[in-house]
Amino acid sequence: MRTILLVEDNELNRDMLSRRLARKGYQVITAEDGRQGIDLAGSEMPDLILMDMSLPVLDGWEATRLLKASSETRSIPIIALTAHAMAEDERKAYQAGCDDFDTKPIDWARLLGKIEAALANCE
């Protein structure tokens, strides 16, 4: 079973995505802020990370930079999730080290396709 770390501070988004991912057969670990996300990524070594960019404690951009700078976690694909849908925000996510980018509100079919593609590239 593939494991996805969902780093999301909004409880409703976290719950909705967790349930949908679990129904698709993924094991889901959740974090509520960027610092907790980094800690869980290091201890749990998930197959993929869904990273909200607007997080408390440590934002998603900085958390991604730190994960990609670590030899232990740099190979974990990270998909940015953000309500910031401007081209500059997408560019900023890729510069931080995100492997893909998706916008909120979540289009489930589109996000699932990105998750599956990222995981297929890891095999």
PDB file of N, CA and C in Angstrom:
ATOM      1  N   MET A   1       0.843  -1.177   0.000  1.00  0.00           N
ATOM      2  CA  MET A   1       0.000   0.000   0.000  1.00  0.00           C
ATOM      3  C   MET A   1       0.890   1.243   0.000  1.00  0.00           C
ATOM      4  N   ARG A   2       0.598   2.161  -0.892  1.00  0.00           N
ATOM      5  CA  ARG A   2       1.351   3.409  -0.980  1.00  0.00           C
ATOM      6  C   ARG A   2       0.903   4.377   0.103  1.00  0.00           C
ATOM      7  N   THR A   3       1.856   5.140   0.639  1.00  0.00           N
ATOM      8  CA  THR A   3       1.576   6.086   1.712  1.00  0.00           C
ATOM      9  C   THR A   3       1.704   7.509   1.193  1.00  0.00           C
ATOM     10  N   ILE A   4       0.706   8.319   1.512  1.00  0.00           N
ATOM     11  CA  ILE A   4       0.712   9.739   1.143  1.00  0.00           C
ATOM     12  C   ILE A   4       0.675  10.568   2.422  1.00  0.00           C
ATOM     13  N   LEU A   5       1.591  11.524   2.497  1.00  0.00           N
ATOM     14  CA  LEU A   5       1.589  12.498   3.584  1.00  0.00           C
ATOM     15  C   LEU A   5       0.836  13.725   3.090  1.00  0.00           C
ATOM     16  N   LEU A   6      -0.246  14.057   3.760  1.00  0.00           N
ATOM     17  CA  LEU A   6      -1.049  15.227   3.435  1.00  0.00           C
ATOM     18  C   LEU A   6      -0.745  16.310   4.460  1.00  0.00           C
ATOM     19  N   VAL A   7      -0.116  17.392   4.000  1.00  0.00           N
ATOM     20  CA  VAL A   7       0.218  18.510   4.886  1.00  0.00           C
ATOM     21  C   VAL A   7      -0.780  19.623   4.577  1.00  0.00           C
ATOM     22  N   GLU A   8      -1.747  19.789   5.453  1.00  0.00           N
ATOM     23  CA  GLU A   8      -2.880  20.691   5.214  1.00  0.00           C
ATOM     24  C   GLU A   8      -3.386  21.203   6.555  1.00  0.00           C
ATOM     25  N   ASP A   9      -3.465  22.532   6.706  1.00  0.00           N
ATOM     26  CA  ASP A   9      -3.910  23.094   7.979  1.00  0.00           C
ATOM     27  C   ASP A   9      -5.425  23.201   8.097  1.00  0.00           C
ATOM     28  N   ASN A  10      -6.143  23.177   6.981  1.00  0.00           N
ATOM     29  CA  ASN A  10      -7.596  23.295   7.016  1.00  0.00           C
ATOM     30  C   ASN A  10      -8.206  21.926   7.313  1.00  0.00           C
ATOM     31  N   GLU A  11      -8.905  21.826   8.438  1.00  0.00           N
ATOM     32  CA  GLU A  11      -9.438  20.544   8.884  1.00  0.00           C
ATOM     33  C   GLU A  11     -10.419  19.932   7.882  1.00  0.00           C
ATOM     34  N   LEU A  12     -11.269  20.747   7.278  1.00  0.00           N
ATOM     35  CA  LEU A  12     -12.233  20.211   6.303  1.00  0.00           C
ATOM     36  C   LEU A  12     -11.525  19.654   5.074  1.00  0.00           C
ATOM     37  N   ASN A  13     -10.545  20.393   4.563  1.00  0.00           N
ATOM     38  CA  ASN A  13      -9.777  19.905   3.405  1.00  0.00           C
ATOM     39  C   ASN A  13      -9.015  18.634   3.758  1.00  0.00           C
ATOM     40  N   ARG A  14      -8.404  18.625   4.930  1.00  0.00           N
ATOM     41  CA  ARG A  14      -7.629  17.467   5.380  1.00  0.00           C
ATOM     42  C   ARG A  14      -8.527  16.229   5.482  1.00  0.00           C
ATOM     43  N   ASP A  15      -9.700  16.388   6.063  1.00  0.00           N
ATOM     44  CA  ASP A  15     -10.627  15.276   6.239  1.00  0.00           C
ATOM     45  C   ASP A  15     -11.139  14.772   4.887  1.00  0.00           C
ATOM     46  N   MET A  16     -11.558  15.686   4.019  1.00  0.00           N
ATOM     47  CA  MET A  16     -12.103  15.306   2.722  1.00  0.00           C
ATOM     48  C   MET A  16     -11.054  14.574   1.880  1.00  0.00           C
ATOM     49  N   LEU A  17      -9.858  15.135   1.794  1.00  0.00           N
ATOM     50  CA  LEU A  17      -8.809  14.498   0.990  1.00  0.00           C
ATOM     51  C   LEU A  17      -8.368  13.168   1.591  1.00  0.00           C
ATOM     52  N   SER A  18      -8.260  13.111   2.906  1.00  0.00           N
ATOM     53  CA  SER A  18      -7.860  11.861   3.566  1.00  0.00           C
ATOM     54  C   SER A  18      -8.840  10.747   3.248  1.00  0.00           C
ATOM     55  N   ARG A  19     -10.127  11.033   3.355  1.00  0.00           N
ATOM     56  CA  ARG A  19     -11.141  10.013   3.088  1.00  0.00           C
ATOM     57  C   ARG A  19     -11.113   9.566   1.628  1.00  0.00           C
ATOM     58  N   ARG A  20     -10.992  10.516   0.715  1.00  0.00           N
ATOM     59  CA  ARG A  20     -10.968  10.160  -0.715  1.00  0.00           C
ATOM     60  C   ARG A  20      -9.727   9.337  -1.066  1.00  0.00           C
ATOM     61  N   LEU A  21      -8.594   9.710  -0.512  1.00  0.00           N
ATOM     62  CA  LEU A  21      -7.363   8.957  -0.768  1.00  0.00           C
ATOM     63  C   LEU A  21      -7.443   7.552  -0.178  1.00  0.00           C
ATOM     64  N   ALA A  22      -8.001   7.436   1.023  1.00  0.00           N
ATOM     65  CA  ALA A  22      -8.144   6.118   1.663  1.00  0.00           C
ATOM     66  C   ALA A  22      -9.066   5.220   0.825  1.00  0.00           C
ATOM     67  N   ARG A  23     -10.132   5.798   0.277  1.00  0.00           N
ATOM     68  CA  ARG A  23     -11.035   5.009  -0.571  1.00  0.00           C
ATOM     69  C   ARG A  23     -10.344   4.519  -1.837  1.00  0.00           C
ATOM     70  N   LYS A  24      -9.311   5.219  -2.270  1.00  0.00           N
ATOM     71  CA  LYS A  24      -8.543   4.804  -3.447  1.00  0.00           C
ATOM     72  C   LYS A  24      -7.436   3.823  -3.081  1.00  0.00           C
ATOM     73  N   GLY A  25      -7.340   3.470  -1.797  1.00  0.00           N
ATOM     74  CA  GLY A  25      -6.392   2.455  -1.376  1.00  0.00           C
ATOM     75  C   GLY A  25      -5.067   2.969  -0.846  1.00  0.00           C
ATOM     76  N   TYR A  26      -4.974   4.278  -0.612  1.00  0.00           N
ATOM     77  CA  TYR A  26      -3.740   4.838  -0.066  1.00  0.00           C
ATOM     78  C   TYR A  26      -3.799   4.887   1.452  1.00  0.00           C
ATOM     79  N   GLN A  27      -2.655   4.689   2.081  1.00  0.00           N
ATOM     80  CA  GLN A  27      -2.529   4.958   3.510  1.00  0.00           C
ATOM     81  C   GLN A  27      -2.223   6.449   3.616  1.00  0.00           C
ATOM     82  N   VAL A  28      -2.924   7.149   4.481  1.00  0.00           N
ATOM     83  CA  VAL A  28      -2.764   8.598   4.582  1.00  0.00           C
ATOM     84  C   VAL A  28      -2.265   8.984   5.967  1.00  0.00           C
ATOM     85  N   ILE A  29      -1.216   9.794   5.984  1.00  0.00           N
ATOM     86  CA  ILE A  29      -0.672  10.394   7.199  1.00  0.00           C
ATOM     87  C   ILE A  29      -0.938  11.887   7.057  1.00  0.00           C
ATOM     88  N   THR A  30      -1.339  12.552   8.121  1.00  0.00           N
ATOM     89  CA  THR A  30      -1.624  13.986   8.007  1.00  0.00           C
ATOM     90  C   THR A  30      -0.766  14.809   8.948  1.00  0.00           C
ATOM     91  N   ALA A  31      -0.496  16.018   8.491  1.00  0.00           N
ATOM     92  CA  ALA A  31       0.215  17.020   9.284  1.00  0.00           C
ATOM     93  C   ALA A  31      -0.542  18.334   9.139  1.00  0.00           C
ATOM     94  N   GLU A  32      -0.512  19.149  10.185  1.00  0.00           N
ATOM     95  CA  GLU A  32      -1.264  20.393  10.189  1.00  0.00           C
ATOM     96  C   GLU A  32      -0.413  21.626   9.917  1.00  0.00           C
ATOM     97  N   ASP A  33       0.906  21.479   9.898  1.00  0.00           N
ATOM     98  CA  ASP A  33       1.776  22.617   9.596  1.00  0.00           C
ATOM     99  C   ASP A  33       3.058  22.108   8.944  1.00  0.00           C
ATOM    100  N   GLY A  34       3.834  23.020   8.416  1.00  0.00           N
ATOM    101  CA  GLY A  34       5.040  22.641   7.684  1.00  0.00           C
ATOM    102  C   GLY A  34       6.082  21.937   8.536  1.00  0.00           C
ATOM    103  N   ARG A  35       6.254  22.350   9.761  1.00  0.00           N
ATOM    104  CA  ARG A  35       7.242  21.715  10.645  1.00  0.00           C
ATOM    105  C   ARG A  35       6.845  20.265  10.923  1.00  0.00           C
ATOM    106  N   GLN A  36       5.579  20.049  11.245  1.00  0.00           N
ATOM    107  CA  GLN A  36       5.086  18.693  11.491  1.00  0.00           C
ATOM    108  C   GLN A  36       5.214  17.859  10.213  1.00  0.00           C
ATOM    109  N   GLY A  37       4.983  18.471   9.058  1.00  0.00           N
ATOM    110  CA  GLY A  37       5.123  17.773   7.785  1.00  0.00           C
ATOM    111  C   GLY A  37       6.551  17.291   7.551  1.00  0.00           C
ATOM    112  N   ILE A  38       7.519  18.140   7.845  1.00  0.00           N
ATOM    113  CA  ILE A  38       8.932  17.764   7.691  1.00  0.00           C
ATOM    114  C   ILE A  38       9.277  16.615   8.636  1.00  0.00           C
ATOM    115  N   ASP A  39       8.826  16.721   9.872  1.00  0.00           N
ATOM    116  CA  ASP A  39       9.120  15.674  10.857  1.00  0.00           C
ATOM    117  C   ASP A  39       8.526  14.332  10.435  1.00  0.00           C
ATOM    118  N   LEU A  40       7.267  14.338   9.983  1.00  0.00           N
ATOM    119  CA  LEU A  40       6.618  13.095   9.563  1.00  0.00           C
ATOM    120  C   LEU A  40       7.234  12.538   8.282  1.00  0.00           C
ATOM    121  N   ALA A  41       7.628  13.414   7.378  1.00  0.00           N
ATOM    122  CA  ALA A  41       8.272  12.939   6.147  1.00  0.00           C
ATOM    123  C   ALA A  41       9.555  12.189   6.489  1.00  0.00           C
ATOM    124  N   GLY A  42      10.314  12.715   7.426  1.00  0.00           N
ATOM    125  CA  GLY A  42      11.566  12.076   7.814  1.00  0.00           C
ATOM    126  C   GLY A  42      11.375  10.772   8.560  1.00  0.00           C
ATOM    127  N   SER A  43      10.352  10.694   9.389  1.00  0.00           N
ATOM    128  CA  SER A  43      10.152   9.480  10.186  1.00  0.00           C
ATOM    129  C   SER A  43       9.337   8.416   9.451  1.00  0.00           C
ATOM    130  N   GLU A  44       8.400   8.832   8.611  1.00  0.00           N
ATOM    131  CA  GLU A  44       7.512   7.871   7.947  1.00  0.00           C
ATOM    132  C   GLU A  44       7.925   7.541   6.511  1.00  0.00           C
ATOM    133  N   MET A  45       8.717   8.385   5.885  1.00  0.00           N
ATOM    134  CA  MET A  45       9.173   8.207   4.502  1.00  0.00           C
ATOM    135  C   MET A  45       8.013   7.839   3.560  1.00  0.00           C
ATOM    136  N   PRO A  46       7.051   8.756   3.394  1.00  0.00           N
ATOM    137  CA  PRO A  46       5.901   8.473   2.531  1.00  0.00           C
ATOM    138  C   PRO A  46       6.331   8.356   1.070  1.00  0.00           C
ATOM    139  N   ASP A  47       5.459   7.788   0.265  1.00  0.00           N
ATOM    140  CA  ASP A  47       5.727   7.649  -1.165  1.00  0.00           C
ATOM    141  C   ASP A  47       5.498   8.963  -1.906  1.00  0.00           C
ATOM    142  N   LEU A  48       4.668   9.847  -1.325  1.00  0.00           N
ATOM    143  CA  LEU A  48       4.336  11.122  -1.967  1.00  0.00           C
ATOM    144  C   LEU A  48       3.855  12.084  -0.890  1.00  0.00           C
ATOM    145  N   ILE A  49       4.060  13.380  -1.135  1.00  0.00           N
ATOM    146  CA  ILE A  49       3.591  14.415  -0.211  1.00  0.00           C
ATOM    147  C   ILE A  49       2.680  15.370  -0.967  1.00  0.00           C
ATOM    148  N   LEU A  50       1.503  15.630  -0.402  1.00  0.00           N
ATOM    149  CA  LEU A  50       0.621  16.698  -0.879  1.00  0.00           C
ATOM    150  C   LEU A  50       0.828  17.855   0.085  1.00  0.00           C
ATOM    151  N   MET A  51       1.368  18.962  -0.425  1.00  0.00           N
ATOM    152  CA  MET A  51       1.811  20.071   0.423  1.00  0.00           C
ATOM    153  C   MET A  51       1.001  21.333   0.165  1.00  0.00           C
ATOM    154  N   ASP A  52       0.198  21.721   1.148  1.00  0.00           N
ATOM    155  CA  ASP A  52      -0.452  23.023   1.097  1.00  0.00           C
ATOM    156  C   ASP A  52       0.660  24.067   1.191  1.00  0.00           C
ATOM    157  N   MET A  53       0.522  25.159   0.493  1.00  0.00           N
ATOM    158  CA  MET A  53       1.576  26.169   0.517  1.00  0.00           C
ATOM    159  C   MET A  53       1.382  27.202   1.619  1.00  0.00           C
ATOM    160  N   SER A  54       0.135  27.460   2.001  1.00  0.00           N
ATOM    161  CA  SER A  54      -0.150  28.450   3.045  1.00  0.00           C
ATOM    162  C   SER A  54      -0.373  27.730   4.366  1.00  0.00           C
ATOM    163  N   LEU A  55       0.714  27.509   5.083  1.00  0.00           N
ATOM    164  CA  LEU A  55       0.674  26.751   6.328  1.00  0.00           C
ATOM    165  C   LEU A  55       1.186  27.581   7.492  1.00  0.00           C
ATOM    166  N   PRO A  56       0.703  27.277   8.704  1.00  0.00           N
ATOM    167  CA  PRO A  56       1.274  27.937   9.885  1.00  0.00           C
ATOM    168  C   PRO A  56       2.618  27.314  10.256  1.00  0.00           C
ATOM    169  N   VAL A  57       3.315  27.954  11.151  1.00  0.00           N
ATOM    170  CA  VAL A  57       4.613  27.549  11.698  1.00  0.00           C
ATOM    171  C   VAL A  57       5.708  27.653  10.641  1.00  0.00           C
ATOM    172  N   LEU A  58       5.566  26.896   9.554  1.00  0.00           N
ATOM    173  CA  LEU A  58       6.528  26.906   8.448  1.00  0.00           C
ATOM    174  C   LEU A  58       5.712  26.722   7.174  1.00  0.00           C
ATOM    175  N   ASP A  59       5.772  27.698   6.251  1.00  0.00           N
ATOM    176  CA  ASP A  59       4.920  27.589   5.060  1.00  0.00           C
ATOM    177  C   ASP A  59       5.381  26.459   4.136  1.00  0.00           C
ATOM    178  N   GLY A  60       4.526  26.109   3.191  1.00  0.00           N
ATOM    179  CA  GLY A  60       4.796  24.995   2.294  1.00  0.00           C
ATOM    180  C   GLY A  60       6.008  25.197   1.400  1.00  0.00           C
ATOM    181  N   TRP A  61       6.275  26.436   1.028  1.00  0.00           N
ATOM    182  CA  TRP A  61       7.446  26.708   0.183  1.00  0.00           C
ATOM    183  C   TRP A  61       8.733  26.375   0.942  1.00  0.00           C
ATOM    184  N   GLU A  62       8.826  26.842   2.177  1.00  0.00           N
ATOM    185  CA  GLU A  62      10.036  26.594   2.970  1.00  0.00           C
ATOM    186  C   GLU A  62      10.126  25.116   3.374  1.00  0.00           C
ATOM    187  N   ALA A  63       9.006  24.513   3.728  1.00  0.00           N
ATOM    188  CA  ALA A  63       9.014  23.092   4.072  1.00  0.00           C
ATOM    189  C   ALA A  63       9.498  22.261   2.877  1.00  0.00           C
ATOM    190  N   THR A  64       9.037  22.604   1.683  1.00  0.00           N
ATOM    191  CA  THR A  64       9.473  21.888   0.475  1.00  0.00           C
ATOM    192  C   THR A  64      10.965  22.068   0.252  1.00  0.00           C
ATOM    193  N   ARG A  65      11.452  23.309   0.381  1.00  0.00           N
ATOM    194  CA  ARG A  65      12.889  23.554   0.209  1.00  0.00           C
ATOM    195  C   ARG A  65      13.710  22.692   1.166  1.00  0.00           C
ATOM    196  N   LEU A  66      13.280  22.615   2.408  1.00  0.00           N
ATOM    197  CA  LEU A  66      14.011  21.830   3.407  1.00  0.00           C
ATOM    198  C   LEU A  66      13.944  20.328   3.100  1.00  0.00           C
ATOM    199  N   LEU A  67      12.791  19.847   2.672  1.00  0.00           N
ATOM    200  CA  LEU A  67      12.661  18.428   2.318  1.00  0.00           C
ATOM    201  C   LEU A  67      13.529  18.079   1.119  1.00  0.00           C
ATOM    202  N   LYS A  68      13.578  18.950   0.130  1.00  0.00           N
ATOM    203  CA  LYS A  68      14.366  18.686  -1.073  1.00  0.00           C
ATOM    204  C   LYS A  68      15.865  18.879  -0.821  1.00  0.00           C
ATOM    205  N   ALA A  69      16.224  19.604   0.235  1.00  0.00           N
ATOM    206  CA  ALA A  69      17.644  19.789   0.573  1.00  0.00           C
ATOM    207  C   ALA A  69      18.198  18.602   1.363  1.00  0.00           C
ATOM    208  N   SER A  70      17.313  17.790   1.914  1.00  0.00           N
ATOM    209  CA  SER A  70      17.742  16.646   2.728  1.00  0.00           C
ATOM    210  C   SER A  70      17.954  15.412   1.853  1.00  0.00           C
ATOM    211  N   SER A  71      19.093  14.757   2.021  1.00  0.00           N
ATOM    212  CA  SER A  71      19.370  13.553   1.238  1.00  0.00           C
ATOM    213  C   SER A  71      18.362  12.446   1.542  1.00  0.00           C
ATOM    214  N   GLU A  72      17.782  12.449   2.730  1.00  0.00           N
ATOM    215  CA  GLU A  72      16.819  11.418   3.103  1.00  0.00           C
ATOM    216  C   GLU A  72      15.467  11.587   2.425  1.00  0.00           C
ATOM    217  N   THR A  73      15.031  12.820   2.212  1.00  0.00           N
ATOM    218  CA  THR A  73      13.668  13.050   1.712  1.00  0.00           C
ATOM    219  C   THR A  73      13.604  13.674   0.313  1.00  0.00           C
ATOM    220  N   ARG A  74      14.732  14.000  -0.286  1.00  0.00           N
ATOM    221  CA  ARG A  74      14.694  14.736  -1.565  1.00  0.00           C
ATOM    222  C   ARG A  74      14.022  13.977  -2.702  1.00  0.00           C
ATOM    223  N   SER A  75      14.021  12.653  -2.643  1.00  0.00           N
ATOM    224  CA  SER A  75      13.433  11.888  -3.746  1.00  0.00           C
ATOM    225  C   SER A  75      11.922  11.698  -3.618  1.00  0.00           C
ATOM    226  N   ILE A  76      11.334  12.115  -2.495  1.00  0.00           N
ATOM    227  CA  ILE A  76       9.879  11.993  -2.332  1.00  0.00           C
ATOM    228  C   ILE A  76       9.200  13.052  -3.200  1.00  0.00           C
ATOM    229  N   PRO A  77       8.325  12.641  -4.126  1.00  0.00           N
ATOM    230  CA  PRO A  77       7.634  13.645  -4.939  1.00  0.00           C
ATOM    231  C   PRO A  77       6.691  14.492  -4.081  1.00  0.00           C
ATOM    232  N   ILE A  78       6.677  15.782  -4.379  1.00  0.00           N
ATOM    233  CA  ILE A  78       5.815  16.726  -3.655  1.00  0.00           C
ATOM    234  C   ILE A  78       4.916  17.429  -4.655  1.00  0.00           C
ATOM    235  N   ILE A  79       3.615  17.362  -4.404  1.00  0.00           N
ATOM    236  CA  ILE A  79       2.643  18.097  -5.209  1.00  0.00           C
ATOM    237  C   ILE A  79       2.143  19.266  -4.370  1.00  0.00           C
ATOM    238  N   ALA A  80       2.334  20.477  -4.878  1.00  0.00           N
ATOM    239  CA  ALA A  80       1.863  21.685  -4.195  1.00  0.00           C
ATOM    240  C   ALA A  80       0.354  21.794  -4.356  1.00  0.00           C
ATOM    241  N   LEU A  81      -0.320  22.125  -3.270  1.00  0.00           N
ATOM    242  CA  LEU A  81      -1.752  22.406  -3.293  1.00  0.00           C
ATOM    243  C   LEU A  81      -1.934  23.819  -2.774  1.00  0.00           C
ATOM    244  N   THR A  82      -2.561  24.656  -3.594  1.00  0.00           N
ATOM    245  CA  THR A  82      -2.701  26.043  -3.152  1.00  0.00           C
ATOM    246  C   THR A  82      -3.907  26.728  -3.776  1.00  0.00           C
ATOM    247  N   ALA A  83      -4.465  27.659  -3.026  1.00  0.00           N
ATOM    248  CA  ALA A  83      -5.531  28.506  -3.554  1.00  0.00           C
ATOM    249  C   ALA A  83      -4.930  29.643  -4.378  1.00  0.00           C
ATOM    250  N   HIS A  84      -3.617  29.804  -4.303  1.00  0.00           N
ATOM    251  CA  HIS A  84      -2.915  30.831  -5.070  1.00  0.00           C
ATOM    252  C   HIS A  84      -2.708  30.295  -6.489  1.00  0.00           C
ATOM    253  N   ALA A  85      -3.565  30.723  -7.401  1.00  0.00           N
ATOM    254  CA  ALA A  85      -3.579  30.122  -8.741  1.00  0.00           C
ATOM    255  C   ALA A  85      -2.869  30.971  -9.796  1.00  0.00           C
ATOM    256  N   MET A  86      -2.115  31.957  -9.393  1.00  0.00           N
ATOM    257  CA  MET A  86      -1.412  32.795 -10.360  1.00  0.00           C
ATOM    258  C   MET A  86      -0.175  32.070 -10.876  1.00  0.00           C
ATOM    259  N   ALA A  87       0.241  32.429 -12.081  1.00  0.00           N
ATOM    260  CA  ALA A  87       1.421  31.805 -12.686  1.00  0.00           C
ATOM    261  C   ALA A  87       2.651  31.993 -11.800  1.00  0.00           C
ATOM    262  N   GLU A  88       2.753  33.118 -11.132  1.00  0.00           N
ATOM    263  CA  GLU A  88       3.884  33.383 -10.232  1.00  0.00           C
ATOM    264  C   GLU A  88       3.910  32.390  -9.070  1.00  0.00           C
ATOM    265  N   ASP A  89       2.732  32.031  -8.566  1.00  0.00           N
ATOM    266  CA  ASP A  89       2.656  31.067  -7.473  1.00  0.00           C
ATOM    267  C   ASP A  89       3.102  29.680  -7.936  1.00  0.00           C
ATOM    268  N   GLU A  90       2.716  29.316  -9.136  1.00  0.00           N
ATOM    269  CA  GLU A  90       3.136  28.027  -9.690  1.00  0.00           C
ATOM    270  C   GLU A  90       4.653  28.004  -9.879  1.00  0.00           C
ATOM    271  N   ARG A  91       5.197  29.084 -10.423  1.00  0.00           N
ATOM    272  CA  ARG A  91       6.642  29.178 -10.614  1.00  0.00           C
ATOM    273  C   ARG A  91       7.372  29.100  -9.266  1.00  0.00           C
ATOM    274  N   LYS A  92       6.845  29.788  -8.276  1.00  0.00           N
ATOM    275  CA  LYS A  92       7.448  29.780  -6.934  1.00  0.00           C
ATOM    276  C   LYS A  92       7.434  28.364  -6.341  1.00  0.00           C
ATOM    277  N   ALA A  93       6.359  27.607  -6.556  1.00  0.00           N
ATOM    278  CA  ALA A  93       6.271  26.232  -6.048  1.00  0.00           C
ATOM    279  C   ALA A  93       7.331  25.349  -6.711  1.00  0.00           C
ATOM    280  N   TYR A  94       7.485  25.477  -8.027  1.00  0.00           N
ATOM    281  CA  TYR A  94       8.505  24.679  -8.722  1.00  0.00           C
ATOM    282  C   TYR A  94       9.916  25.083  -8.283  1.00  0.00           C
ATOM    283  N   GLN A  95      10.134  26.372  -8.076  1.00  0.00           N
ATOM    284  CA  GLN A  95      11.449  26.824  -7.615  1.00  0.00           C
ATOM    285  C   GLN A  95      11.769  26.290  -6.222  1.00  0.00           C
ATOM    286  N   ALA A  96      10.748  26.110  -5.397  1.00  0.00           N
ATOM    287  CA  ALA A  96      10.956  25.565  -4.048  1.00  0.00           C
ATOM    288  C   ALA A  96      11.308  24.080  -4.106  1.00  0.00           C
ATOM    289  N   GLY A  97      10.963  23.431  -5.229  1.00  0.00           N
ATOM    290  CA  GLY A  97      11.287  22.016  -5.381  1.00  0.00           C
ATOM    291  C   GLY A  97      10.098  21.102  -5.591  1.00  0.00           C
ATOM    292  N   CYS A  98       8.896  21.674  -5.679  1.00  0.00           N
ATOM    293  CA  CYS A  98       7.717  20.842  -5.917  1.00  0.00           C
ATOM    294  C   CYS A  98       7.831  20.144  -7.271  1.00  0.00           C
ATOM    295  N   ASP A  99       7.341  18.924  -7.331  1.00  0.00           N
ATOM    296  CA  ASP A  99       7.377  18.147  -8.564  1.00  0.00           C
ATOM    297  C   ASP A  99       6.152  18.389  -9.427  1.00  0.00           C
ATOM    298  N   ASP A 100       5.069  18.870  -8.823  1.00  0.00           N
ATOM    299  CA  ASP A 100       3.855  19.197  -9.558  1.00  0.00           C
ATOM    300  C   ASP A 100       3.094  20.234  -8.757  1.00  0.00           C
ATOM    301  N   PHE A 101       2.002  20.719  -9.326  1.00  0.00           N
ATOM    302  CA  PHE A 101       1.277  21.856  -8.764  1.00  0.00           C
ATOM    303  C   PHE A 101      -0.198  21.655  -9.064  1.00  0.00           C
ATOM    304  N   ASP A 102      -1.063  21.880  -8.090  1.00  0.00           N
ATOM    305  CA  ASP A 102      -2.500  21.840  -8.327  1.00  0.00           C
ATOM    306  C   ASP A 102      -3.159  22.921  -7.485  1.00  0.00           C
ATOM    307  N   THR A 103      -4.295  23.386  -7.964  1.00  0.00           N
ATOM    308  CA  THR A 103      -4.965  24.512  -7.319  1.00  0.00           C
ATOM    309  C   THR A 103      -6.196  24.051  -6.541  1.00  0.00           C
ATOM    310  N   LYS A 104      -6.556  24.876  -5.583  1.00  0.00           N
ATOM    311  CA  LYS A 104      -7.795  24.711  -4.834  1.00  0.00           C
ATOM    312  C   LYS A 104      -8.811  25.690  -5.403  1.00  0.00           C
ATOM    313  N   PRO A 105     -10.082  25.386  -5.391  1.00  0.00           N
ATOM    314  CA  PRO A 105     -10.651  24.149  -4.875  1.00  0.00           C
ATOM    315  C   PRO A 105     -10.164  22.945  -5.678  1.00  0.00           C
ATOM    316  N   ILE A 106     -10.062  21.809  -5.008  1.00  0.00           N
ATOM    317  CA  ILE A 106      -9.513  20.595  -5.592  1.00  0.00           C
ATOM    318  C   ILE A 106     -10.450  20.030  -6.661  1.00  0.00           C
ATOM    319  N   ASP A 107      -9.877  19.752  -7.820  1.00  0.00           N
ATOM    320  CA  ASP A 107     -10.554  18.970  -8.860  1.00  0.00           C
ATOM    321  C   ASP A 107     -10.051  17.547  -8.631  1.00  0.00           C
ATOM    322  N   TRP A 108     -10.876  16.696  -8.018  1.00  0.00           N
ATOM    323  CA  TRP A 108     -10.436  15.384  -7.563  1.00  0.00           C
ATOM    324  C   TRP A 108      -9.845  14.540  -8.693  1.00  0.00           C
ATOM    325  N   ALA A 109     -10.510  14.485  -9.841  1.00  0.00           N
ATOM    326  CA  ALA A 109     -10.020  13.658 -10.951  1.00  0.00           C
ATOM    327  C   ALA A 109      -8.648  14.148 -11.422  1.00  0.00           C
ATOM    328  N   ARG A 110      -8.480  15.447 -11.519  1.00  0.00           N
ATOM    329  CA  ARG A 110      -7.198  16.003 -11.961  1.00  0.00           C
ATOM    330  C   ARG A 110      -6.097  15.709 -10.940  1.00  0.00           C
ATOM    331  N   LEU A 111      -6.388  15.931  -9.652  1.00  0.00           N
ATOM    332  CA  LEU A 111      -5.394  15.677  -8.618  1.00  0.00           C
ATOM    333  C   LEU A 111      -5.033  14.194  -8.562  1.00  0.00           C
ATOM    334  N   LEU A 112      -6.015  13.324  -8.644  1.00  0.00           N
ATOM    335  CA  LEU A 112      -5.745  11.890  -8.611  1.00  0.00           C
ATOM    336  C   LEU A 112      -4.839  11.484  -9.777  1.00  0.00           C
ATOM    337  N   GLY A 113      -5.077  12.069 -10.944  1.00  0.00           N
ATOM    338  CA  GLY A 113      -4.207  11.804 -12.098  1.00  0.00           C
ATOM    339  C   GLY A 113      -2.772  12.231 -11.834  1.00  0.00           C
ATOM    340  N   LYS A 114      -2.596  13.370 -11.185  1.00  0.00           N
ATOM    341  CA  LYS A 114      -1.250  13.851 -10.865  1.00  0.00           C
ATOM    342  C   LYS A 114      -0.574  12.959  -9.822  1.00  0.00           C
ATOM    343  N   ILE A 115      -1.349  12.505  -8.850  1.00  0.00           N
ATOM    344  CA  ILE A 115      -0.807  11.597  -7.830  1.00  0.00           C
ATOM    345  C   ILE A 115      -0.344  10.300  -8.485  1.00  0.00           C
ATOM    346  N   GLU A 116      -1.205   9.719  -9.305  1.00  0.00           N
ATOM    347  CA  GLU A 116      -0.877   8.457  -9.957  1.00  0.00           C
ATOM    348  C   GLU A 116       0.345   8.599 -10.874  1.00  0.00           C
ATOM    349  N   ALA A 117       0.429   9.708 -11.598  1.00  0.00           N
ATOM    350  CA  ALA A 117       1.574   9.943 -12.486  1.00  0.00           C
ATOM    351  C   ALA A 117       2.871  10.087 -11.679  1.00  0.00           C
ATOM    352  N   ALA A 118       2.815  10.835 -10.577  1.00  0.00           N
ATOM    353  CA  ALA A 118       4.006  11.026  -9.746  1.00  0.00           C
ATOM    354  C   ALA A 118       4.463   9.696  -9.144  1.00  0.00           C
ATOM    355  N   LEU A 119       3.540   8.899  -8.690  1.00  0.00           N
ATOM    356  CA  LEU A 119       3.895   7.616  -8.100  1.00  0.00           C
ATOM    357  C   LEU A 119       4.435   6.648  -9.161  1.00  0.00           C
ATOM    358  N   ALA A 120       3.892   6.698 -10.360  1.00  0.00           N
ATOM    359  CA  ALA A 120       4.383   5.838 -11.453  1.00  0.00           C
ATOM    360  C   ALA A 120       5.815   6.200 -11.813  1.00  0.00           C
ATOM    361  N   ASN A 121       6.156   7.478 -11.713  1.00  0.00           N
ATOM    362  CA  ASN A 121       7.524   7.920 -12.030  1.00  0.00           C
ATOM    363  C   ASN A 121       8.518   7.501 -10.965  1.00  0.00           C
ATOM    364  N   CYS A 122       8.039   7.087  -9.790  1.00  0.00           N
ATOM    365  CA  CYS A 122       8.921   6.681  -8.684  1.00  0.00           C
ATOM    366  C   CYS A 122       9.275   5.206  -8.721  1.00  0.00           C
ATOM    367  N   GLU A 123       8.569   4.449  -9.513  1.00  0.00           N
ATOM    368  CA  GLU A 123       8.778   2.988  -9.503  1.00  0.00           C
ATOM    369  C   GLU A 123      10.047   2.578 -10.208  1.00  0.00           C
TER     370      GLU A 123
END
